[in-house]
Amino acid sequence: MTQPLTPNSSTLPAMQQAVLAWFRQHARDLPWRTTRDPYHILVAEMMLQQTQVERVVPKYHAFLEALPTLSHLAEAATADVIRLWAGLGYNRRAVNLQRIARLIVSSSGGEFPRSVAALQQLPGIGAYTAGAIACFAFEQDVAFLDTNIRRVIRRAWVAPEDMPPPTPDRVLQQLGAELVPAGQGWHWNQAIMELGALLCTARAPTCWQCPLQPHCRSYAQWRTRDEQLFAAPDGMAYPRADQPPRRRAAERPETPFVGSNRYYRGRVVSLLRALPPDTHLPITQLGVQLKPTFAADTEQAWLERLLHGLHRDGLIVVADGAVRLPR
């Protein structure tokens, strides 16, 4: 890579202050930003994994109303936790969330681990979620990467994402740690995440509104490309400074969801969630409820593999030729 992955010491303070000032003015009013309760932060972070903020907000309130503390979650029936998760998708997150609660309650009397390393030992907690809890619950100056943070750091301090070679996450993580202003980790991580969500988006970044634009490496390179491409005969060049660069982020082909195994896993859980508590559904009836065209002679093995995976993940119980939600 030709560019050094070290913040420019002369411009970094201005970039930090610009981002923080923008966040103070434009931050969305999100409920998990008003708490430092690690349980509430954990619930929010687990829900926000691959789910849009607008869908999470009402589910977050409902979940915490039903299970207001870590102990309530640990003691709840798993089936009830899965029912509360309805509408969020990726139901394994609900099971992992309860596993975390039960482990913390049983091993440390409900006292949350505080370090990133200790948090990563919890089931279903990766580097991002561990860093987010350490930062947002305990206000530690730690760096971590989600999709939005990764995009902003790469674009502003490295290069456009369509310029090879791609930057490894370990390098971006190290760079991100150098960017965190001392004593302001909570505000910085919230701000740079918000910037990626609202302005520095994947497909249509609004660079002309971005506080990082004057120093952003990607904007400078996009602008140069556009000026070369769209230079007019009279010497004028576009875009102007108040216009976005003419570019598109590299788009990933999306994997079809309907008809995929993930789709049918969700359908199984949804069918069981709709039944009265402790109701068993015979497997012989399940196939046609999942797929009206289900053919037992050719698809029974597929169905059993699907159910085995759900059972292994703790989302259902398979016993005596029937399935149900776990107790």
Protein backbone atom coordinates (compact mmCIF):
# COMPACT_ATOMS: atom_id res chain seq x y z
CA MET A 1 0.00 0.00 0.00
CA THR A 2 1.43 3.38 -0.97
CA GLN A 3 -0.29 5.54 1.66
CA PRO A 4 1.04 5.37 5.22
CA LEU A 5 -1.62 4.11 7.61
CA THR A 6 -0.83 6.72 10.24
CA PRO A 7 -3.03 9.75 10.91
CA ASN A 8 -1.58 13.01 9.71
CA SER A 9 -0.64 14.67 12.97
CA SER A 10 -1.21 18.15 11.56
CA THR A 11 -4.78 17.50 10.40
CA LEU A 12 -5.97 14.91 12.95
CA PRO A 13 -7.08 17.37 15.67
CA ALA A 14 -9.14 19.36 13.17
CA MET A 15 -10.72 16.16 11.81
CA GLN A 16 -11.55 14.92 15.30
CA GLN A 17 -13.12 18.20 16.35
CA ALA A 18 -15.09 18.46 13.10
CA VAL A 19 -16.58 15.00 13.58
CA LEU A 20 -17.42 15.60 17.24
CA ALA A 21 -19.00 18.97 16.49
CA TRP A 22 -21.07 17.47 13.69
CA PHE A 23 -22.26 14.69 16.03
CA ARG A 24 -23.33 17.16 18.71
CA GLN A 25 -25.53 18.88 16.16
CA HIS A 26 -26.87 15.93 14.14
CA ALA A 27 -26.91 12.86 16.40
CA ARG A 28 -30.11 10.86 16.33
CA ASP A 29 -31.98 10.49 19.62
CA LEU A 30 -31.53 6.74 20.18
CA PRO A 31 -32.52 5.14 23.50
CA TRP A 32 -29.29 3.20 24.04
CA ARG A 33 -27.35 6.47 23.90
CA THR A 34 -28.95 7.66 27.14
CA THR A 35 -27.76 4.74 29.27
CA ARG A 36 -24.48 3.26 30.49
CA ASP A 37 -26.14 0.07 31.78
CA PRO A 38 -24.06 -2.75 30.25
CA TYR A 39 -27.11 -5.03 30.04
CA HIS A 40 -29.05 -2.43 28.05
CA ILE A 41 -26.03 -1.82 25.82
CA LEU A 42 -25.65 -5.56 25.26
CA VAL A 43 -29.31 -5.92 24.26
CA ALA A 44 -29.02 -3.01 21.83
CA GLU A 45 -25.81 -4.26 20.25
CA MET A 46 -27.14 -7.78 19.77
CA MET A 47 -30.33 -6.43 18.20
CA LEU A 48 -28.47 -4.02 15.93
CA GLN A 49 -26.40 -6.78 14.36
CA GLN A 50 -27.72 -6.90 10.77
CA THR A 51 -31.00 -5.17 11.70
CA GLN A 52 -31.97 -1.58 10.87
CA VAL A 53 -32.18 0.96 13.68
CA GLU A 54 -35.82 1.78 12.91
CA ARG A 55 -36.82 -1.84 13.47
CA VAL A 56 -34.73 -2.18 16.60
CA VAL A 57 -36.01 0.80 18.62
CA PRO A 58 -39.53 -0.54 19.43
CA LYS A 59 -38.21 -4.09 19.97
CA TYR A 60 -35.52 -2.75 22.32
CA HIS A 61 -38.14 -1.00 24.47
CA ALA A 62 -40.45 -4.03 24.49
CA PHE A 63 -37.65 -6.46 25.34
CA LEU A 64 -36.40 -4.41 28.28
CA GLU A 65 -39.93 -3.86 29.54
CA ALA A 66 -40.45 -7.63 29.63
CA LEU A 67 -36.93 -8.49 30.87
CA PRO A 68 -35.60 -5.37 32.61
CA THR A 69 -32.47 -6.90 34.15
CA LEU A 70 -29.83 -9.48 33.36
CA SER A 71 -31.31 -11.75 36.03
CA HIS A 72 -34.76 -11.56 34.44
CA LEU A 73 -33.28 -12.64 31.12
CA ALA A 74 -31.26 -15.44 32.72
CA GLU A 75 -34.34 -16.84 34.47
CA ALA A 76 -36.75 -16.53 31.53
CA ALA A 77 -37.92 -19.46 29.46
CA THR A 78 -35.92 -19.60 26.25
CA ALA A 79 -39.15 -19.89 24.29
CA ASP A 80 -40.29 -16.56 25.74
CA VAL A 81 -37.00 -14.92 24.76
CA ILE A 82 -37.39 -16.22 21.21
CA ARG A 83 -40.96 -14.90 21.10
CA LEU A 84 -39.79 -11.46 22.23
CA TRP A 85 -37.26 -11.53 19.40
CA ALA A 86 -39.98 -11.85 16.75
CA GLY A 87 -39.47 -9.42 13.88
CA LEU A 88 -35.71 -9.00 14.32
CA GLY A 89 -34.52 -12.05 12.40
CA TYR A 90 -31.33 -14.04 13.04
CA ASN A 91 -32.97 -15.75 16.01
CA ARG A 92 -29.70 -17.30 17.15
CA ARG A 93 -28.85 -13.88 18.60
CA ALA A 94 -31.69 -14.26 21.11
CA VAL A 95 -30.37 -17.60 22.32
CA ASN A 96 -26.82 -16.26 22.56
CA LEU A 97 -28.07 -13.24 24.48
CA GLN A 98 -29.67 -15.48 27.09
CA ARG A 99 -26.58 -17.70 27.25
CA ILE A 100 -24.52 -14.61 28.02
CA ALA A 101 -26.93 -13.56 30.78
CA ARG A 102 -26.93 -17.00 32.37
CA LEU A 103 -23.14 -17.23 32.25
CA ILE A 104 -22.61 -13.80 33.82
CA VAL A 105 -25.19 -14.46 36.54
CA SER A 106 -23.80 -17.90 37.38
CA SER A 107 -20.09 -17.05 37.19
CA SER A 108 -19.89 -13.52 38.58
CA GLY A 109 -23.18 -12.83 40.29
CA GLY A 110 -24.35 -10.57 37.48
CA GLU A 111 -21.20 -8.42 37.38
CA PHE A 112 -20.32 -7.66 33.75
CA PRO A 113 -16.73 -8.17 32.61
CA ARG A 114 -15.24 -4.81 31.67
CA SER A 115 -12.25 -5.55 29.46
CA VAL A 116 -12.52 -6.22 25.73
CA ALA A 117 -10.63 -9.49 26.14
CA ALA A 118 -12.96 -10.75 28.89
CA LEU A 119 -16.07 -9.68 27.00
CA GLN A 120 -14.91 -11.64 23.95
CA GLN A 121 -14.99 -14.82 26.02
CA LEU A 122 -18.78 -14.59 26.23
CA PRO A 123 -20.80 -16.69 23.74
CA GLY A 124 -21.68 -14.85 20.55
CA ILE A 125 -19.53 -11.80 21.41
CA GLY A 126 -16.97 -10.86 18.77
CA ALA A 127 -14.40 -8.09 18.61
CA TYR A 128 -16.91 -5.42 17.58
CA THR A 129 -19.54 -6.14 20.26
CA ALA A 130 -16.89 -6.48 22.98
CA GLY A 131 -15.41 -3.12 22.00
CA ALA A 132 -18.84 -1.49 21.81
CA ILE A 133 -19.79 -2.65 25.32
CA ALA A 134 -16.44 -1.58 26.77
CA CYS A 135 -16.84 1.83 25.15
CA PHE A 136 -20.56 2.54 25.40
CA ALA A 137 -21.16 1.02 28.85
CA PHE A 138 -17.82 1.68 30.56
CA GLU A 139 -16.63 4.69 28.50
CA GLN A 140 -13.27 3.15 27.65
CA ASP A 141 -11.16 4.69 24.88
CA VAL A 142 -11.16 1.59 22.67
CA ALA A 143 -11.42 1.19 18.92
CA PHE A 144 -13.60 -1.32 17.13
CA LEU A 145 -14.96 -1.82 13.63
CA ASP A 146 -18.48 -2.18 12.38
CA THR A 147 -19.54 -1.66 8.77
CA ASN A 148 -19.98 2.09 9.14
CA ILE A 149 -16.82 2.74 11.17
CA ARG A 150 -14.75 0.60 8.81
CA ARG A 151 -16.05 2.52 5.78
CA VAL A 152 -15.39 5.97 7.27
CA ILE A 153 -11.88 5.13 8.44
CA ARG A 154 -10.90 3.59 5.15
CA ARG A 155 -12.32 6.40 3.04
CA ALA A 156 -11.12 9.33 5.13
CA TRP A 157 -7.69 8.12 6.18
CA VAL A 158 -6.69 5.42 3.65
CA ALA A 159 -8.19 5.39 0.15
CA PRO A 160 -11.42 4.66 -1.75
CA GLU A 161 -12.58 1.08 -1.25
CA ASP A 162 -12.35 0.40 -4.98
CA MET A 163 -8.58 1.01 -4.95
CA PRO A 164 -6.61 -2.22 -4.50
CA PRO A 165 -5.29 -3.78 -2.42
CA PRO A 166 -8.03 -3.95 0.24
CA THR A 167 -6.91 -2.91 3.70
CA PRO A 168 -7.01 -5.77 6.25
CA ASP A 169 -9.19 -5.22 9.31
CA ARG A 170 -6.22 -5.62 11.65
CA VAL A 171 -4.60 -2.60 9.96
CA LEU A 172 -7.81 -0.56 10.11
CA GLN A 173 -8.23 -1.54 13.76
CA GLN A 174 -4.74 -0.29 14.56
CA LEU A 175 -5.38 2.92 12.67
CA GLY A 176 -8.73 3.33 14.41
CA ALA A 177 -7.05 3.09 17.82
CA GLU A 178 -4.78 6.02 16.88
CA LEU A 179 -7.78 8.13 15.92
CA VAL A 180 -9.69 7.93 19.23
CA PRO A 181 -9.32 11.25 21.12
CA ALA A 182 -8.14 10.68 24.69
CA GLY A 183 -11.06 10.71 27.12
CA GLN A 184 -13.66 10.96 24.36
CA GLY A 185 -13.95 7.36 23.19
CA TRP A 186 -17.72 7.20 23.77
CA HIS A 187 -18.45 10.34 21.76
CA TRP A 188 -15.91 9.54 19.04
CA ASN A 189 -17.16 6.03 18.31
CA GLN A 190 -20.78 7.12 18.38
CA ALA A 191 -19.94 10.02 16.07
CA ILE A 192 -17.94 8.14 13.48
CA MET A 193 -20.56 5.37 13.42
CA GLU A 194 -23.29 7.97 12.94
CA LEU A 195 -21.32 9.61 10.17
CA GLY A 196 -21.16 6.32 8.30
CA ALA A 197 -24.86 5.68 8.81
CA LEU A 198 -26.10 9.12 7.73
CA LEU A 199 -23.55 10.68 5.36
CA CYS A 200 -20.68 8.38 4.40
CA THR A 201 -23.03 5.69 3.13
CA ALA A 202 -22.00 2.80 0.92
CA ARG A 203 -23.73 3.74 -2.32
CA ALA A 204 -24.43 7.46 -2.16
CA PRO A 205 -22.12 9.36 0.20
CA THR A 206 -23.14 12.99 0.68
CA CYS A 207 -19.59 14.29 0.66
CA TRP A 208 -20.61 17.94 0.33
CA GLN A 209 -22.21 17.74 3.80
CA CYS A 210 -19.45 15.74 5.46
CA PRO A 211 -17.29 17.39 8.14
CA LEU A 212 -14.31 15.31 6.98
CA GLN A 213 -14.48 16.43 3.36
CA PRO A 214 -11.64 19.01 3.47
CA HIS A 215 -9.17 16.33 4.61
CA CYS A 216 -10.73 13.12 3.22
CA ARG A 217 -8.38 11.08 1.03
CA SER A 218 -11.18 9.39 -0.86
CA TYR A 219 -12.97 12.63 -1.65
CA ALA A 220 -9.76 14.15 -2.97
CA GLN A 221 -9.11 11.15 -5.22
CA TRP A 222 -12.71 10.96 -6.44
CA ARG A 223 -12.66 14.66 -7.24
CA THR A 224 -9.39 14.33 -9.17
CA ARG A 225 -10.80 11.43 -11.19
CA ASP A 226 -13.95 13.36 -11.98
CA GLU A 227 -12.06 16.46 -13.00
CA GLN A 228 -9.99 14.39 -15.40
CA LEU A 229 -13.05 12.62 -16.74
CA PHE A 230 -15.38 15.61 -17.01
CA ALA A 231 -12.97 18.43 -17.82
CA ALA A 232 -14.64 20.81 -20.28
CA PRO A 233 -12.90 22.29 -23.34
CA ASP A 234 -12.84 25.74 -21.74
CA GLY A 235 -10.78 24.42 -18.86
CA MET A 236 -13.62 24.30 -16.34
CA ALA A 237 -13.82 21.12 -14.27
CA TYR A 238 -16.57 19.46 -12.30
CA PRO A 239 -17.74 18.72 -9.67
CA ARG A 240 -17.58 21.96 -7.70
CA ALA A 241 -16.61 21.77 -4.04
CA ASP A 242 -20.26 21.89 -2.98
CA GLN A 243 -21.21 18.91 -5.16
CA PRO A 244 -20.69 15.21 -4.49
CA PRO A 245 -18.14 13.33 -6.58
CA ARG A 246 -19.57 11.35 -9.48
CA ARG A 247 -18.91 7.85 -8.25
CA ARG A 248 -20.52 4.68 -7.05
CA ALA A 249 -19.23 2.40 -4.34
CA ALA A 250 -18.46 -1.12 -5.46
CA GLU A 251 -21.67 -3.04 -5.00
CA ARG A 252 -21.72 -6.57 -3.72
CA PRO A 253 -24.13 -8.97 -5.38
CA GLU A 254 -26.84 -9.79 -2.90
CA THR A 255 -27.59 -13.41 -2.09
CA PRO A 256 -31.29 -14.18 -2.61
CA PHE A 257 -33.00 -14.60 0.78
CA VAL A 258 -36.39 -16.14 -0.04
CA GLY A 259 -35.90 -19.85 -0.61
CA SER A 260 -32.54 -19.96 1.16
CA ASN A 261 -31.82 -22.15 4.19
CA ARG A 262 -31.75 -19.01 6.35
CA TYR A 263 -35.24 -18.18 5.11
CA TYR A 264 -36.58 -21.61 6.05
CA ARG A 265 -34.80 -21.59 9.41
CA GLY A 266 -36.67 -18.39 10.20
CA ARG A 267 -39.92 -19.91 8.96
CA VAL A 268 -39.56 -22.89 11.32
CA VAL A 269 -39.02 -20.61 14.32
CA SER A 270 -41.92 -18.37 13.27
CA LEU A 271 -44.28 -21.33 12.98
CA LEU A 272 -43.36 -22.58 16.45
CA ARG A 273 -43.44 -19.09 17.91
CA ALA A 274 -47.07 -18.75 16.86
CA LEU A 275 -48.12 -21.90 18.72
CA PRO A 276 -49.22 -21.96 22.38
CA PRO A 277 -46.37 -22.55 24.87
CA ASP A 278 -44.95 -26.10 25.00
CA THR A 279 -46.88 -27.13 21.90
CA HIS A 280 -45.18 -29.81 19.82
CA LEU A 281 -45.50 -29.80 16.04
CA PRO A 282 -45.09 -33.20 14.35
CA ILE A 283 -42.33 -33.17 11.77
CA THR A 284 -44.68 -34.91 9.36
CA GLN A 285 -46.85 -31.77 9.40
CA LEU A 286 -44.00 -29.30 9.31
CA GLY A 287 -42.78 -29.87 5.76
CA VAL A 288 -45.99 -28.81 4.02
CA GLN A 289 -46.36 -25.82 6.35
CA LEU A 290 -42.91 -24.65 5.30
CA LYS A 291 -43.39 -25.36 1.60
CA PRO A 292 -46.78 -26.12 0.04
CA THR A 293 -44.91 -28.13 -2.60
CA PHE A 294 -42.93 -30.14 -0.04
CA ALA A 295 -42.19 -33.66 -1.28
CA ALA A 296 -41.20 -36.00 1.54
CA ASP A 297 -39.52 -38.53 -0.74
CA THR A 298 -37.01 -36.00 -2.07
CA GLU A 299 -36.89 -33.26 0.61
CA GLN A 300 -37.14 -35.11 3.92
CA ALA A 301 -33.36 -35.31 4.30
CA TRP A 302 -33.07 -31.56 3.66
CA LEU A 303 -35.75 -30.88 6.30
CA GLU A 304 -34.00 -33.05 8.87
CA ARG A 305 -30.69 -31.28 8.27
CA LEU A 306 -32.45 -27.94 8.67
CA LEU A 307 -34.01 -29.01 11.97
CA HIS A 308 -30.75 -30.52 13.21
CA GLY A 309 -29.01 -27.16 12.68
CA LEU A 310 -31.74 -25.28 14.56
CA HIS A 311 -31.58 -27.84 17.39
CA ARG A 312 -27.78 -27.54 17.55
CA ASP A 313 -28.08 -23.75 17.81
CA GLY A 314 -30.55 -24.01 20.69
CA LEU A 315 -33.45 -22.50 18.78
CA ILE A 316 -35.73 -25.56 18.77
CA VAL A 317 -35.99 -28.97 20.40
CA VAL A 318 -36.38 -32.05 18.22
CA ALA A 319 -37.70 -35.10 20.05
CA ASP A 320 -40.00 -38.05 19.37
CA GLY A 321 -40.73 -37.02 15.80
CA ALA A 322 -41.84 -33.50 16.75
CA VAL A 323 -40.38 -30.04 17.25
CA ARG A 324 -41.02 -27.26 19.78
CA LEU A 325 -39.38 -24.15 21.12
CA PRO A 326 -36.97 -24.74 24.02
CA ARG A 327 -38.23 -24.23 27.54
